[in-house]
All heavy atoms as atom14 arrays in JSON, in Angstrom:
{
  "sequence": "GAVEWGSTPALGESTAPTAVASLHEVEIGGLLPNQVYHYR",
  "atom14_mask": [
    [1, 1, 1, 1, 0, 0, 0, 0, 0, 0, 0, 0, 0, 0],
    [1, 1, 1, 1, 1, 0, 0, 0, 0, 0, 0, 0, 0, 0],
    [1, 1, 1, 1, 1, 1, 1, 0, 0, 0, 0, 0, 0, 0],
    [1, 1, 1, 1, 1, 1, 1, 1, 1, 0, 0, 0, 0, 0],
    [1, 1, 1, 1, 1, 1, 1, 1, 1, 1, 1, 1, 1, 1],
    [1, 1, 1, 1, 0, 0, 0, 0, 0, 0, 0, 0, 0, 0],
    [1, 1, 1, 1, 1, 1, 0, 0, 0, 0, 0, 0, 0, 0],
    [1, 1, 1, 1, 1, 1, 1, 0, 0, 0, 0, 0, 0, 0],
    [1, 1, 1, 1, 1, 1, 1, 0, 0, 0, 0, 0, 0, 0],
    [1, 1, 1, 1, 1, 0, 0, 0, 0, 0, 0, 0, 0, 0],
    [1, 1, 1, 1, 1, 1, 1, 1, 0, 0, 0, 0, 0, 0],
    [1, 1, 1, 1, 0, 0, 0, 0, 0, 0, 0, 0, 0, 0],
    [1, 1, 1, 1, 1, 1, 1, 1, 1, 0, 0, 0, 0, 0],
    [1, 1, 1, 1, 1, 1, 0, 0, 0, 0, 0, 0, 0, 0],
    [1, 1, 1, 1, 1, 1, 1, 0, 0, 0, 0, 0, 0, 0],
    [1, 1, 1, 1, 1, 0, 0, 0, 0, 0, 0, 0, 0, 0],
    [1, 1, 1, 1, 1, 1, 1, 0, 0, 0, 0, 0, 0, 0],
    [1, 1, 1, 1, 1, 1, 1, 0, 0, 0, 0, 0, 0, 0],
    [1, 1, 1, 1, 1, 0, 0, 0, 0, 0, 0, 0, 0, 0],
    [1, 1, 1, 1, 1, 1, 1, 0, 0, 0, 0, 0, 0, 0],
    [1, 1, 1, 1, 1, 0, 0, 0, 0, 0, 0, 0, 0, 0],
    [1, 1, 1, 1, 1, 1, 0, 0, 0, 0, 0, 0, 0, 0],
    [1, 1, 1, 1, 1, 1, 1, 1, 0, 0, 0, 0, 0, 0],
    [1, 1, 1, 1, 1, 1, 1, 1, 1, 1, 0, 0, 0, 0],
    [1, 1, 1, 1, 1, 1, 1, 1, 1, 0, 0, 0, 0, 0],
    [1, 1, 1, 1, 1, 1, 1, 0, 0, 0, 0, 0, 0, 0],
    [1, 1, 1, 1, 1, 1, 1, 1, 1, 0, 0, 0, 0, 0],
    [1, 1, 1, 1, 1, 1, 1, 1, 0, 0, 0, 0, 0, 0],
    [1, 1, 1, 1, 0, 0, 0, 0, 0, 0, 0, 0, 0, 0],
    [1, 1, 1, 1, 0, 0, 0, 0, 0, 0, 0, 0, 0, 0],
    [1, 1, 1, 1, 1, 1, 1, 1, 0, 0, 0, 0, 0, 0],
    [1, 1, 1, 1, 1, 1, 1, 1, 0, 0, 0, 0, 0, 0],
    [1, 1, 1, 1, 1, 1, 1, 0, 0, 0, 0, 0, 0, 0],
    [1, 1, 1, 1, 1, 1, 1, 1, 0, 0, 0, 0, 0, 0],
    [1, 1, 1, 1, 1, 1, 1, 1, 1, 0, 0, 0, 0, 0],
    [1, 1, 1, 1, 1, 1, 1, 0, 0, 0, 0, 0, 0, 0],
    [1, 1, 1, 1, 1, 1, 1, 1, 1, 1, 1, 1, 0, 0],
    [1, 1, 1, 1, 1, 1, 1, 1, 1, 1, 0, 0, 0, 0],
    [1, 1, 1, 1, 1, 1, 1, 1, 1, 1, 1, 1, 0, 0],
    [1, 1, 1, 1, 1, 1, 1, 1, 1, 1, 1, 0, 0, 0]
  ],
  "atom14_positions": [
    [[5.36, -9.85, -2.95], [5.31, -8.57, -2.25], [3.94, -7.96, -1.97], [3.06, -8.26, -2.82], [0.0, 0.0, 0.0], [0.0, 0.0, 0.0], [0.0, 0.0, 0.0], [0.0, 0.0, 0.0], [0.0, 0.0, 0.0], [0.0, 0.0, 0.0], [0.0, 0.0, 0.0], [0.0, 0.0, 0.0], [0.0, 0.0, 0.0], [0.0, 0.0, 0.0]],
    [[3.86, -7.06, -1.22], [2.66, -6.31, -0.92], [3.06, -4.99, -0.21], [4.11, -4.76, 0.24], [1.66, -7.07, 0.02], [0.0, 0.0, 0.0], [0.0, 0.0, 0.0], [0.0, 0.0, 0.0], [0.0, 0.0, 0.0], [0.0, 0.0, 0.0], [0.0, 0.0, 0.0], [0.0, 0.0, 0.0], [0.0, 0.0, 0.0], [0.0, 0.0, 0.0]],
    [[2.07, -4.07, -0.21], [2.14, -2.8, 0.6], [1.16, -2.68, 1.6], [-0.03, -2.81, 1.37], [2.09, -1.64, -0.55], [2.16, -0.29, 0.35], [3.18, -1.66, -1.56], [0.0, 0.0, 0.0], [0.0, 0.0, 0.0], [0.0, 0.0, 0.0], [0.0, 0.0, 0.0], [0.0, 0.0, 0.0], [0.0, 0.0, 0.0], [0.0, 0.0, 0.0]],
    [[1.56, -2.51, 2.82], [0.74, -2.28, 4.07], [0.67, -0.83, 4.2], [1.63, -0.15, 4.2], [1.36, -2.99, 5.16], [0.44, -2.88, 6.39], [0.98, -3.6, 7.64], [2.26, -3.92, 7.68], [0.29, -3.89, 8.67], [0.0, 0.0, 0.0], [0.0, 0.0, 0.0], [0.0, 0.0, 0.0], [0.0, 0.0, 0.0], [0.0, 0.0, 0.0]],
    [[-0.67, -0.27, 4.29], [-0.8, 1.13, 4.16], [-2.01, 1.6, 5.09], [-2.72, 0.82, 5.61], [-1.04, 1.72, 2.78], [-2.27, 1.11, 2.19], [-2.43, -0.04, 1.5], [-3.46, 1.73, 2.03], [-3.72, -0.33, 1.01], [-4.3, 0.92, 1.35], [-4.05, 2.96, 2.49], [-5.76, 1.2, 1.15], [-5.24, 3.37, 2.16], [-6.16, 2.45, 1.5]],
    [[-2.04, 2.89, 5.26], [-3.17, 3.49, 5.99], [-3.06, 4.91, 6.25], [-1.99, 5.49, 5.84], [0.0, 0.0, 0.0], [0.0, 0.0, 0.0], [0.0, 0.0, 0.0], [0.0, 0.0, 0.0], [0.0, 0.0, 0.0], [0.0, 0.0, 0.0], [0.0, 0.0, 0.0], [0.0, 0.0, 0.0], [0.0, 0.0, 0.0], [0.0, 0.0, 0.0]],
    [[-4.1, 5.56, 6.71], [-3.98, 7.07, 6.89], [-3.23, 7.51, 8.14], [-2.97, 8.78, 8.44], [-5.41, 7.6, 6.91], [-6.16, 6.93, 8.19], [0.0, 0.0, 0.0], [0.0, 0.0, 0.0], [0.0, 0.0, 0.0], [0.0, 0.0, 0.0], [0.0, 0.0, 0.0], [0.0, 0.0, 0.0], [0.0, 0.0, 0.0], [0.0, 0.0, 0.0]],
    [[-2.82, 6.48, 9.01], [-1.89, 6.79, 10.17], [-0.84, 5.8, 10.07], [-0.86, 4.81, 9.44], [-2.83, 6.67, 11.51], [-3.07, 5.26, 11.74], [-4.13, 7.39, 11.48], [0.0, 0.0, 0.0], [0.0, 0.0, 0.0], [0.0, 0.0, 0.0], [0.0, 0.0, 0.0], [0.0, 0.0, 0.0], [0.0, 0.0, 0.0], [0.0, 0.0, 0.0]],
    [[0.18, 6.05, 10.94], [1.41, 5.09, 11.04], [0.88, 3.72, 11.57], [1.63, 2.77, 11.36], [2.34, 5.78, 11.91], [2.08, 7.21, 11.87], [0.55, 7.36, 11.57], [0.0, 0.0, 0.0], [0.0, 0.0, 0.0], [0.0, 0.0, 0.0], [0.0, 0.0, 0.0], [0.0, 0.0, 0.0], [0.0, 0.0, 0.0], [0.0, 0.0, 0.0]],
    [[-0.29, 3.63, 12.14], [-0.78, 2.29, 12.43], [-1.06, 1.35, 11.25], [-1.36, 0.27, 11.35], [-2.01, 2.46, 13.35], [0.0, 0.0, 0.0], [0.0, 0.0, 0.0], [0.0, 0.0, 0.0], [0.0, 0.0, 0.0], [0.0, 0.0, 0.0], [0.0, 0.0, 0.0], [0.0, 0.0, 0.0], [0.0, 0.0, 0.0], [0.0, 0.0, 0.0]],
    [[-1.31, 2.0, 10.04], [-1.57, 1.32, 8.78], [-2.87, 0.8, 8.9], [-3.83, 1.44, 9.01], [-0.44, 0.35, 8.61], [1.1, 1.02, 8.46], [2.08, -0.09, 8.2], [1.12, 2.17, 7.5], [0.0, 0.0, 0.0], [0.0, 0.0, 0.0], [0.0, 0.0, 0.0], [0.0, 0.0, 0.0], [0.0, 0.0, 0.0], [0.0, 0.0, 0.0]],
    [[-2.99, -0.64, 8.8], [-4.19, -1.28, 8.77], [-4.83, -1.87, 7.58], [-5.79, -2.7, 7.47], [0.0, 0.0, 0.0], [0.0, 0.0, 0.0], [0.0, 0.0, 0.0], [0.0, 0.0, 0.0], [0.0, 0.0, 0.0], [0.0, 0.0, 0.0], [0.0, 0.0, 0.0], [0.0, 0.0, 0.0], [0.0, 0.0, 0.0], [0.0, 0.0, 0.0]],
    [[-4.39, -1.42, 6.37], [-4.71, -1.92, 5.04], [-3.58, -2.61, 4.43], [-2.49, -2.29, 4.67], [-5.4, -0.74, 4.21], [-6.46, 0.12, 4.74], [-7.7, -0.74, 4.74], [-7.84, -1.68, 4.03], [-8.67, -0.23, 5.44], [0.0, 0.0, 0.0], [0.0, 0.0, 0.0], [0.0, 0.0, 0.0], [0.0, 0.0, 0.0], [0.0, 0.0, 0.0]],
    [[-3.92, -3.51, 3.39], [-2.75, -4.07, 2.63], [-3.25, -4.31, 1.27], [-4.55, -4.77, 1.15], [-2.4, -5.34, 3.34], [-1.32, -6.05, 2.66], [0.0, 0.0, 0.0], [0.0, 0.0, 0.0], [0.0, 0.0, 0.0], [0.0, 0.0, 0.0], [0.0, 0.0, 0.0], [0.0, 0.0, 0.0], [0.0, 0.0, 0.0], [0.0, 0.0, 0.0]],
    [[-2.37, -4.25, 0.35], [-2.77, -4.61, -0.99], [-2.57, -6.31, -1.18], [-1.94, -6.73, -0.3], [-1.75, -3.99, -2.04], [-0.4, -4.5, -1.75], [-1.68, -2.43, -1.91], [0.0, 0.0, 0.0], [0.0, 0.0, 0.0], [0.0, 0.0, 0.0], [0.0, 0.0, 0.0], [0.0, 0.0, 0.0], [0.0, 0.0, 0.0], [0.0, 0.0, 0.0]],
    [[-3.19, -6.71, -2.27], [-3.04, -8.14, -2.51], [-1.54, -8.43, -2.9], [-0.87, -7.65, -3.41], [-3.92, -8.49, -3.65], [0.0, 0.0, 0.0], [0.0, 0.0, 0.0], [0.0, 0.0, 0.0], [0.0, 0.0, 0.0], [0.0, 0.0, 0.0], [0.0, 0.0, 0.0], [0.0, 0.0, 0.0], [0.0, 0.0, 0.0], [0.0, 0.0, 0.0]],
    [[-1.12, -9.64, -2.33], [0.24, -10.06, -2.8], [0.53, -10.17, -4.22], [-0.4, -10.6, -5.02], [0.45, -11.44, -2.05], [-0.62, -11.49, -1.07], [-1.81, -10.58, -1.59], [0.0, 0.0, 0.0], [0.0, 0.0, 0.0], [0.0, 0.0, 0.0], [0.0, 0.0, 0.0], [0.0, 0.0, 0.0], [0.0, 0.0, 0.0], [0.0, 0.0, 0.0]],
    [[1.73, -9.84, -4.68], [2.11, -9.92, -6.11], [2.48, -11.35, -6.32], [2.69, -12.12, -5.28], [3.16, -9.04, -6.46], [4.51, -9.5, -5.67], [3.02, -7.63, -6.06], [0.0, 0.0, 0.0], [0.0, 0.0, 0.0], [0.0, 0.0, 0.0], [0.0, 0.0, 0.0], [0.0, 0.0, 0.0], [0.0, 0.0, 0.0], [0.0, 0.0, 0.0]],
    [[2.76, -11.78, -7.48], [3.39, -13.02, -7.86], [4.89, -12.9, -7.23], [5.39, -11.82, -7.06], [3.3, -13.23, -9.3], [0.0, 0.0, 0.0], [0.0, 0.0, 0.0], [0.0, 0.0, 0.0], [0.0, 0.0, 0.0], [0.0, 0.0, 0.0], [0.0, 0.0, 0.0], [0.0, 0.0, 0.0], [0.0, 0.0, 0.0], [0.0, 0.0, 0.0]],
    [[5.34, -14.2, -7.14], [6.88, -14.02, -6.68], [7.62, -13.54, -7.76], [7.7, -14.01, -8.93], [7.3, -15.57, -6.35], [8.67, -15.54, -6.03], [6.46, -16.1, -5.18], [0.0, 0.0, 0.0], [0.0, 0.0, 0.0], [0.0, 0.0, 0.0], [0.0, 0.0, 0.0], [0.0, 0.0, 0.0], [0.0, 0.0, 0.0], [0.0, 0.0, 0.0]],
    [[8.51, -12.41, -7.37], [9.3, -11.71, -8.36], [10.34, -11.01, -7.68], [10.31, -10.74, -6.46], [8.46, -10.93, -9.27], [0.0, 0.0, 0.0], [0.0, 0.0, 0.0], [0.0, 0.0, 0.0], [0.0, 0.0, 0.0], [0.0, 0.0, 0.0], [0.0, 0.0, 0.0], [0.0, 0.0, 0.0], [0.0, 0.0, 0.0], [0.0, 0.0, 0.0]],
    [[11.31, -10.46, -8.36], [12.37, -9.52, -7.82], [11.85, -8.1, -8.0], [12.1, -7.33, -6.99], [13.67, -9.75, -8.5], [14.23, -11.05, -8.37], [0.0, 0.0, 0.0], [0.0, 0.0, 0.0], [0.0, 0.0, 0.0], [0.0, 0.0, 0.0], [0.0, 0.0, 0.0], [0.0, 0.0, 0.0], [0.0, 0.0, 0.0], [0.0, 0.0, 0.0]],
    [[11.2, -7.83, -9.06], [10.72, -6.46, -9.23], [9.31, -6.31, -8.98], [8.53, -7.05, -9.47], [11.02, -5.91, -10.73], [10.49, -4.57, -11.03], [11.09, -3.52, -10.26], [10.68, -4.31, -12.67], [0.0, 0.0, 0.0], [0.0, 0.0, 0.0], [0.0, 0.0, 0.0], [0.0, 0.0, 0.0], [0.0, 0.0, 0.0], [0.0, 0.0, 0.0]],
    [[8.85, -5.45, -8.14], [7.45, -5.26, -7.81], [7.01, -3.81, -8.06], [7.66, -2.76, -7.79], [7.3, -5.44, -6.22], [7.76, -6.78, -5.79], [7.23, -7.91, -5.8], [9.07, -7.06, -5.23], [7.83, -8.81, -5.27], [9.03, -8.27, -4.92], [0.0, 0.0, 0.0], [0.0, 0.0, 0.0], [0.0, 0.0, 0.0], [0.0, 0.0, 0.0]],
    [[5.91, -3.75, -8.71], [5.12, -2.45, -8.97], [3.72, -2.53, -8.44], [2.96, -3.34, -8.99], [5.12, -2.0, -10.36], [6.51, -1.51, -10.81], [6.42, -1.05, -12.27], [5.38, -1.01, -12.84], [7.55, -0.86, -12.79], [0.0, 0.0, 0.0], [0.0, 0.0, 0.0], [0.0, 0.0, 0.0], [0.0, 0.0, 0.0], [0.0, 0.0, 0.0]],
    [[3.27, -1.88, -7.21], [2.12, -2.25, -6.59], [1.31, -0.85, -6.57], [1.83, 0.15, -6.04], [2.23, -2.81, -5.15], [1.01, -2.83, -4.52], [3.0, -4.24, -5.23], [0.0, 0.0, 0.0], [0.0, 0.0, 0.0], [0.0, 0.0, 0.0], [0.0, 0.0, 0.0], [0.0, 0.0, 0.0], [0.0, 0.0, 0.0], [0.0, 0.0, 0.0]],
    [[0.05, -0.92, -7.08], [-0.76, 0.3, -7.06], [-1.69, 0.22, -5.75], [-2.26, -0.79, -5.39], [-1.66, 0.3, -8.21], [-2.48, 1.54, -8.15], [-3.42, 1.75, -9.42], [-2.85, 2.21, -10.57], [-4.5, 1.21, -9.34], [0.0, 0.0, 0.0], [0.0, 0.0, 0.0], [0.0, 0.0, 0.0], [0.0, 0.0, 0.0], [0.0, 0.0, 0.0]],
    [[-1.74, 1.29, -5.07], [-2.65, 1.58, -3.87], [-3.83, 2.26, -4.34], [-3.66, 3.47, -4.89], [-1.89, 2.19, -2.71], [-0.47, 1.46, -2.32], [-2.74, 2.29, -1.46], [0.23, 2.34, -1.45], [0.0, 0.0, 0.0], [0.0, 0.0, 0.0], [0.0, 0.0, 0.0], [0.0, 0.0, 0.0], [0.0, 0.0, 0.0], [0.0, 0.0, 0.0]],
    [[-4.91, 1.83, -4.26], [-6.17, 2.5, -4.77], [-7.1, 2.91, -3.67], [-6.92, 2.6, -2.46], [0.0, 0.0, 0.0], [0.0, 0.0, 0.0], [0.0, 0.0, 0.0], [0.0, 0.0, 0.0], [0.0, 0.0, 0.0], [0.0, 0.0, 0.0], [0.0, 0.0, 0.0], [0.0, 0.0, 0.0], [0.0, 0.0, 0.0], [0.0, 0.0, 0.0]],
    [[-8.16, 3.61, -3.82], [-9.18, 3.9, -2.92], [-8.63, 5.08, -2.09], [-9.25, 5.26, -0.86], [0.0, 0.0, 0.0], [0.0, 0.0, 0.0], [0.0, 0.0, 0.0], [0.0, 0.0, 0.0], [0.0, 0.0, 0.0], [0.0, 0.0, 0.0], [0.0, 0.0, 0.0], [0.0, 0.0, 0.0], [0.0, 0.0, 0.0], [0.0, 0.0, 0.0]],
    [[-7.8, 5.93, -2.54], [-7.34, 6.94, -1.6], [-8.14, 8.29, -1.86], [-8.99, 8.35, -2.78], [-5.86, 7.3, -1.9], [-4.99, 6.03, -1.99], [-3.48, 6.4, -2.46], [-4.94, 5.28, -0.66], [0.0, 0.0, 0.0], [0.0, 0.0, 0.0], [0.0, 0.0, 0.0], [0.0, 0.0, 0.0], [0.0, 0.0, 0.0], [0.0, 0.0, 0.0]],
    [[-7.92, 9.17, -0.86], [-8.58, 10.48, -1.12], [-7.67, 11.51, -1.49], [-6.46, 11.49, -1.17], [-9.11, 10.95, 0.2], [-10.29, 10.06, 0.83], [-10.7, 10.47, 2.26], [-11.46, 10.05, -0.08], [0.0, 0.0, 0.0], [0.0, 0.0, 0.0], [0.0, 0.0, 0.0], [0.0, 0.0, 0.0], [0.0, 0.0, 0.0], [0.0, 0.0, 0.0]],
    [[-8.06, 12.65, -2.3], [-7.15, 13.63, -2.7], [-6.64, 14.45, -1.64], [-7.22, 14.69, -0.67], [-8.04, 14.57, -3.62], [-9.4, 13.68, -3.96], [-9.46, 12.73, -2.69], [0.0, 0.0, 0.0], [0.0, 0.0, 0.0], [0.0, 0.0, 0.0], [0.0, 0.0, 0.0], [0.0, 0.0, 0.0], [0.0, 0.0, 0.0], [0.0, 0.0, 0.0]],
    [[-5.43, 14.93, -2.0], [-4.56, 15.82, -0.96], [-4.58, 15.3, 0.5], [-4.87, 16.12, 1.42], [-5.18, 17.19, -0.95], [-4.34, 18.32, -0.44], [-3.07, 18.24, -0.34], [-4.98, 19.27, 0.1], [0.0, 0.0, 0.0], [0.0, 0.0, 0.0], [0.0, 0.0, 0.0], [0.0, 0.0, 0.0], [0.0, 0.0, 0.0], [0.0, 0.0, 0.0]],
    [[-4.35, 14.05, 0.76], [-4.29, 13.37, 2.02], [-2.91, 12.66, 2.07], [-2.37, 12.18, 1.24], [-5.49, 12.52, 2.22], [-6.85, 13.04, 2.1], [-7.08, 13.92, 3.21], [-6.69, 13.71, 4.47], [-7.73, 15.14, 2.99], [0.0, 0.0, 0.0], [0.0, 0.0, 0.0], [0.0, 0.0, 0.0], [0.0, 0.0, 0.0], [0.0, 0.0, 0.0]],
    [[-2.51, 12.6, 3.47], [-1.19, 11.95, 3.68], [-1.59, 10.59, 4.02], [-2.54, 10.23, 4.87], [-0.54, 12.61, 4.9], [0.62, 11.77, 5.34], [-0.03, 14.07, 4.46], [0.0, 0.0, 0.0], [0.0, 0.0, 0.0], [0.0, 0.0, 0.0], [0.0, 0.0, 0.0], [0.0, 0.0, 0.0], [0.0, 0.0, 0.0], [0.0, 0.0, 0.0]],
    [[-0.73, 9.64, 3.41], [-0.85, 8.22, 3.75], [0.51, 7.64, 4.13], [1.47, 8.21, 3.72], [-1.35, 7.49, 2.51], [-2.94, 7.72, 2.24], [-3.19, 8.8, 1.43], [-3.95, 7.03, 2.92], [-4.64, 9.08, 1.19], [-5.23, 7.31, 2.63], [-5.48, 8.24, 1.86], [-6.83, 8.58, 1.59], [0.0, 0.0, 0.0], [0.0, 0.0, 0.0]],
    [[0.5, 6.65, 4.96], [1.73, 6.02, 5.42], [1.74, 4.49, 4.97], [0.65, 3.9, 4.68], [1.64, 5.99, 6.93], [1.52, 7.39, 7.57], [2.49, 7.97, 7.87], [0.33, 8.01, 7.74], [2.13, 9.22, 8.47], [0.83, 9.18, 8.34], [0.0, 0.0, 0.0], [0.0, 0.0, 0.0], [0.0, 0.0, 0.0], [0.0, 0.0, 0.0]],
    [[2.92, 4.03, 4.7], [2.94, 2.63, 4.16], [4.4, 2.07, 4.47], [5.39, 2.79, 4.85], [2.84, 2.69, 2.56], [4.05, 3.32, 1.88], [4.91, 2.46, 1.32], [4.24, 4.66, 1.64], [6.12, 2.83, 0.5], [5.33, 5.06, 0.89], [6.22, 4.26, 0.38], [7.35, 4.75, -0.23], [0.0, 0.0, 0.0], [0.0, 0.0, 0.0]],
    [[4.44, 0.78, 4.24], [5.72, 0.12, 4.31], [5.76, -1.23, 3.36], [4.43, -1.67, 2.96], [6.13, -0.43, 5.83], [5.14, -1.54, 6.46], [5.58, -1.67, 7.81], [4.7, -2.61, 8.51], [4.74, -2.91, 9.83], [5.74, -2.37, 10.5], [3.73, -3.7, 10.34], [0.0, 0.0, 0.0], [0.0, 0.0, 0.0], [0.0, 0.0, 0.0]]
  ]
}
């Protein structure tokens, strides 16, 4: 699993893939305070 994210709905960034698993917990880093981000 991974999270595709960005500051607009166009996204553009992605986290590194996790190991193959059923349960995923993925941290998105490098964000700015009090800002809206979009992801899928």
